[in-house]
C-alpha atoms as a PDB file:
ATOM      1  CA  MET A   1     -17.760 150.594 -79.252  1.00  0.00           C
ATOM      2  CA  VAL A   2     -16.616 147.702 -80.693  1.00  0.00           C
ATOM      3  CA  ASN A   3     -15.774 144.441 -78.602  1.00  0.00           C
ATOM      4  CA  LEU A   4     -12.306 143.599 -79.902  1.00  0.00           C
ATOM      5  CA  LYS A   5     -12.289 140.003 -78.732  1.00  0.00           C
ATOM      6  CA  ALA A   6     -15.620 139.314 -80.458  1.00  0.00           C
ATOM      7  CA  ALA A   7     -14.146 141.033 -83.687  1.00  0.00           C
ATOM      8  CA  ILE A   8     -11.088 138.797 -83.298  1.00  0.00           C
ATOM      9  CA  GLU A   9     -13.313 135.405 -82.759  1.00  0.00           C
ATOM     10  CA  ASN A  10     -15.284 136.171 -85.679  1.00  0.00           C
ATOM     11  CA  LEU A  11     -12.331 136.439 -87.943  1.00  0.00           C
ATOM     12  CA  PRO A  12     -12.077 133.457 -90.484  1.00  0.00           C
ATOM     13  CA  VAL A  13      -9.003 131.233 -89.580  1.00  0.00           C
ATOM     14  CA  SER A  14      -6.044 131.580 -92.447  1.00  0.00           C
ATOM     15  CA  ALA A  15      -4.212 128.794 -93.755  1.00  0.00           C
ATOM     16  CA  ALA A  16      -1.094 130.397 -92.348  1.00  0.00           C
ATOM     17  CA  GLN A  17      -2.638 130.044 -88.780  1.00  0.00           C
ATOM     18  CA  LEU A  18      -3.722 126.625 -89.156  1.00  0.00           C
ATOM     19  CA  LYS A  19      -0.068 125.668 -90.560  1.00  0.00           C
ATOM     20  CA  VAL A  20       1.364 127.595 -87.519  1.00  0.00           C
ATOM     21  CA  GLU A  21      -0.923 125.779 -84.993  1.00  0.00           C
ATOM     22  CA  THR A  22      -0.334 122.231 -86.627  1.00  0.00           C
ATOM     23  CA  GLY A  23       3.341 122.726 -87.127  1.00  0.00           C
ATOM     24  CA  SER A  24       3.717 123.630 -83.529  1.00  0.00           C
ATOM     25  CA  THR A  25       1.844 120.730 -82.419  1.00  0.00           C
ATOM     26  CA  GLY A  26       4.183 118.305 -84.470  1.00  0.00           C
ATOM     27  CA  VAL A  27       7.100 119.814 -82.939  1.00  0.00           C
ATOM     28  CA  SER A  28       6.038 119.356 -79.630  1.00  0.00           C
ATOM     29  CA  TYR A  29       5.265 115.621 -80.483  1.00  0.00           C
ATOM     30  CA  VAL A  30       8.893 115.213 -81.864  1.00  0.00           C
ATOM     31  CA  SER A  31      10.524 117.142 -78.867  1.00  0.00           C
ATOM     32  CA  GLY A  32       8.508 114.836 -76.580  1.00  0.00           C
ATOM     33  CA  LEU A  33       9.952 111.749 -78.304  1.00  0.00           C
ATOM     34  CA  LEU A  34      13.185 113.086 -78.265  1.00  0.00           C
ATOM     35  CA  ALA A  35      13.084 113.733 -74.461  1.00  0.00           C
ATOM     36  CA  ALA A  36      11.875 110.459 -74.040  1.00  0.00           C
ATOM     37  CA  PHE A  37      14.648 108.588 -75.584  1.00  0.00           C
ATOM     38  CA  GLY A  38      17.162 110.863 -74.398  1.00  0.00           C
ATOM     39  CA  GLY A  39      16.033 110.402 -70.982  1.00  0.00           C
ATOM     40  CA  THR A  40      16.109 106.684 -71.418  1.00  0.00           C
ATOM     41  CA  TRP A  41      18.857 105.848 -73.608  1.00  0.00           C
ATOM     42  CA  THR A  42      22.571 106.367 -72.500  1.00  0.00           C
ATOM     43  CA  LYS A  43      25.374 107.369 -74.727  1.00  0.00           C
ATOM     44  CA  ASN A  44      26.344 103.668 -74.991  1.00  0.00           C
ATOM     45  CA  GLU A  45      23.152 102.592 -76.143  1.00  0.00           C
ATOM     46  CA  ILE A  46      22.811 105.359 -78.634  1.00  0.00           C
ATOM     47  CA  LEU A  47      25.833 104.611 -80.340  1.00  0.00           C
ATOM     48  CA  ALA A  48      25.122 101.080 -80.538  1.00  0.00           C
ATOM     49  CA  ALA A  49      22.033 101.775 -82.236  1.00  0.00           C
ATOM     50  CA  GLY A  50      23.727 104.016 -84.507  1.00  0.00           C
ATOM     51  CA  GLY A  51      26.691 101.407 -85.107  1.00  0.00           C
ATOM     52  CA  LEU A  52      23.652  98.832 -86.173  1.00  0.00           C
ATOM     53  CA  ILE A  53      22.081 101.285 -88.303  1.00  0.00           C
ATOM     54  CA  PHE A  54      25.501 101.504 -90.203  1.00  0.00           C
ATOM     55  CA  VAL A  55      26.313  97.962 -90.057  1.00  0.00           C
ATOM     56  CA  ALA A  56      22.659  97.267 -91.921  1.00  0.00           C
ATOM     57  CA  ALA A  57      23.334 100.202 -94.451  1.00  0.00           C
ATOM     58  CA  THR A  58      26.836  98.510 -95.329  1.00  0.00           C
ATOM     59  CA  TYR A  59      25.220  95.444 -95.471  1.00  0.00           C
ATOM     60  CA  PHE A  60      22.600  96.286 -98.217  1.00  0.00           C
ATOM     61  CA  THR A  61      24.949  98.543-100.095  1.00  0.00           C
ATOM     62  CA  SER A  62      27.327  95.682-100.282  1.00  0.00           C
ATOM     63  CA  LEU A  63      24.477  93.291-101.269  1.00  0.00           C
ATOM     64  CA  TYR A  64      23.133  95.747-104.091  1.00  0.00           C
ATOM     65  CA  PHE A  65      26.671  96.179-105.803  1.00  0.00           C
ATOM     66  CA  GLN A  66      27.215  92.314-105.379  1.00  0.00           C
ATOM     67  CA  ARG A  67      24.218  91.509-107.266  1.00  0.00           C
ATOM     68  CA  ARG A  68      25.085  94.089-110.192  1.00  0.00           C
ATOM     69  CA  ARG A  69      28.546  92.352-110.364  1.00  0.00           C
ATOM     70  CA  ASP A  70      26.923  89.174-110.479  1.00  0.00           C
ATOM     71  CA  ARG A  71      24.419  90.275-113.542  1.00  0.00           C
ATOM     72  CA  ARG A  72      27.395  91.731-115.165  1.00  0.00           C
ATOM     73  CA  GLU A  73      29.660  88.671-114.839  1.00  0.00           C
ATOM     74  CA  GLN A  74      26.726  86.528-115.873  1.00  0.00           C
ATOM     75  CA  GLU A  75      26.290  88.829-119.276  1.00  0.00           C
ATOM     76  CA  PHE A  76      29.958  88.210-119.874  1.00  0.00           C
ATOM     77  CA  HIS A  77      29.978  84.404-119.362  1.00  0.00           C
ATOM     78  CA  MET A  78      26.849  84.353-121.982  1.00  0.00           C
ATOM     79  CA  LEU A  79      28.870  86.448-124.403  1.00  0.00           C
ATOM     80  CA  ARG A  80      31.882  84.112-124.223  1.00  0.00           C
ATOM     81  CA  VAL A  81      29.940  80.760-124.558  1.00  0.00           C
ATOM     82  CA  ARG A  82      28.443  82.517-127.610  1.00  0.00           C
ATOM     83  CA  ALA A  83      31.737  83.347-129.170  1.00  0.00           C
ATOM     84  CA  GLN A  84      32.976  79.968-128.496  1.00  0.00           C
ATOM     85  CA  LEU A  85      29.956  78.319-129.734  1.00  0.00           C
ATOM     86  CA  ALA A  86      30.114  80.959-133.055  1.00  0.00           C
ATOM     87  CA  GLU A  87      33.987  79.939-133.505  1.00  0.00           C
ATOM     88  CA  GLN A  88      33.329  76.006-133.292  1.00  0.00           C
ATOM     89  CA  GLU A  89      30.803  76.239-135.666  1.00  0.00           C
ATOM     90  CA  SER A  90      32.802  77.952-138.284  1.00  0.00           C
ATOM     91  CA  ASN A  91      35.522  75.691-137.432  1.00  0.00           C
ATOM     92  CA  GLU A  92      33.310  72.828-138.464  1.00  0.00           C
ATOM     93  CA  LYS A  93      32.277  74.169-141.531  1.00  0.00           C
ATOM     94  CA  THR A  94      35.836  75.161-142.823  1.00  0.00           C
ATOM     95  CA  PRO A  95      37.467  71.942-144.316  1.00  0.00           C
END
């Protein structure tokens, strides 16, 4: 009779089995970190951290769109200056 335990041990490890084993390890690490933060941070600290993240996201979003607006205004200014110079040159050429 074949020993079932020995037969199972001799089977090659499949990729699916490896993913399950590494996935469970990752889940245990993440849950451990969440438990550590959940155990050490109060609600007020969590809300304060969330508020800081929101403020930083708002600041960088505003900065991004401000830079786009500045670039656009600079282009419009350069077009106005060129138009004025072209108008002056055409006025100087006509007597």
